[in-house]
């Protein structure tokens, strides 16, 4: 499955599905943000990068839902 095909499927998805995906990414952001408080060093950095990537996804999905 190519990237273009996945983007096409997401673009054609219902708003309820997009909102559900946004909620999942937002939950992952919150959980990893809490976990990063307890870890330092390399593991903390990796978890922080995951939280940041998920938050960027949440921002993009919120934008697509609101336009």
Protein backbone atom coordinates (compact mmCIF):
# COMPACT_ATOMS: atom_id res chain seq x y z
CA UNK A 1 0.00 0.00 0.00
CA UNK A 2 1.56 3.27 -1.07
CA UNK A 3 1.62 6.53 0.80
CA UNK A 4 -0.67 8.18 -1.75
CA UNK A 5 -3.27 5.46 -1.25
CA UNK A 6 -3.21 5.83 2.54
CA UNK A 7 -3.57 9.62 2.26
CA UNK A 8 -6.48 9.11 -0.13
CA UNK A 9 -8.23 6.77 2.32
CA UNK A 10 -7.75 9.16 5.24
CA UNK A 11 -9.01 12.10 3.19
CA UNK A 12 -12.17 10.15 2.36
CA UNK A 13 -12.76 9.01 5.95
CA UNK A 14 -15.68 10.23 8.00
CA UNK A 15 -15.19 13.06 10.52
CA UNK A 16 -16.05 10.67 13.37
CA UNK A 17 -13.20 8.34 12.34
CA UNK A 18 -10.78 11.27 12.08
CA UNK A 19 -11.87 12.46 15.53
CA UNK A 20 -11.25 8.99 16.95
CA UNK A 21 -7.75 8.85 15.47
CA UNK A 22 -7.08 12.33 16.84
CA UNK A 23 -8.20 11.18 20.30
CA UNK A 24 -5.88 8.17 20.18
CA UNK A 25 -2.90 10.33 19.25
CA UNK A 26 -3.84 12.85 21.96
CA UNK A 27 -4.00 10.06 24.55
CA UNK A 28 -0.59 8.77 23.47
CA UNK A 29 0.76 12.33 23.76
CA UNK A 30 -0.53 12.66 27.32
CA UNK A 31 0.73 9.24 28.42
CA UNK A 32 4.20 9.63 26.93
CA UNK A 33 4.42 13.15 28.30
CA UNK A 34 3.79 11.76 31.79
CA UNK A 35 6.24 8.92 31.32
CA UNK A 36 9.03 11.25 30.20
CA UNK A 37 8.94 12.89 33.64
CA UNK A 38 10.29 9.69 35.19
CA UNK A 39 13.02 8.85 32.69
CA UNK A 40 16.26 10.63 31.98
CA UNK A 41 18.97 10.15 29.41
CA UNK A 42 18.50 8.35 26.13
CA UNK A 43 15.22 6.64 27.01
CA UNK A 44 13.73 9.95 28.13
CA UNK A 45 14.77 11.53 24.85
CA UNK A 46 13.16 8.75 22.82
CA UNK A 47 9.90 8.97 24.75
CA UNK A 48 9.94 12.76 24.41
CA UNK A 49 10.41 12.46 20.64
CA UNK A 50 7.45 10.07 20.46
CA UNK A 51 5.32 12.54 22.44
CA UNK A 52 6.37 15.38 20.15
CA UNK A 53 5.60 13.38 16.99
CA UNK A 54 2.17 12.44 18.34
CA UNK A 55 1.44 16.06 19.24
CA UNK A 56 2.37 17.14 15.73
CA UNK A 57 -0.07 14.52 14.40
CA UNK A 58 -2.78 15.81 16.76
CA UNK A 59 -2.21 19.36 15.53
CA UNK A 60 -2.50 18.33 11.90
CA UNK A 61 -5.59 16.22 12.51
CA UNK A 62 -7.31 19.01 14.46
CA UNK A 63 -6.58 21.33 11.55
CA UNK A 64 -8.11 18.88 9.08
CA UNK A 65 -11.17 18.42 11.28
CA UNK A 66 -11.82 22.12 11.71
CA UNK A 67 -11.46 23.28 8.12
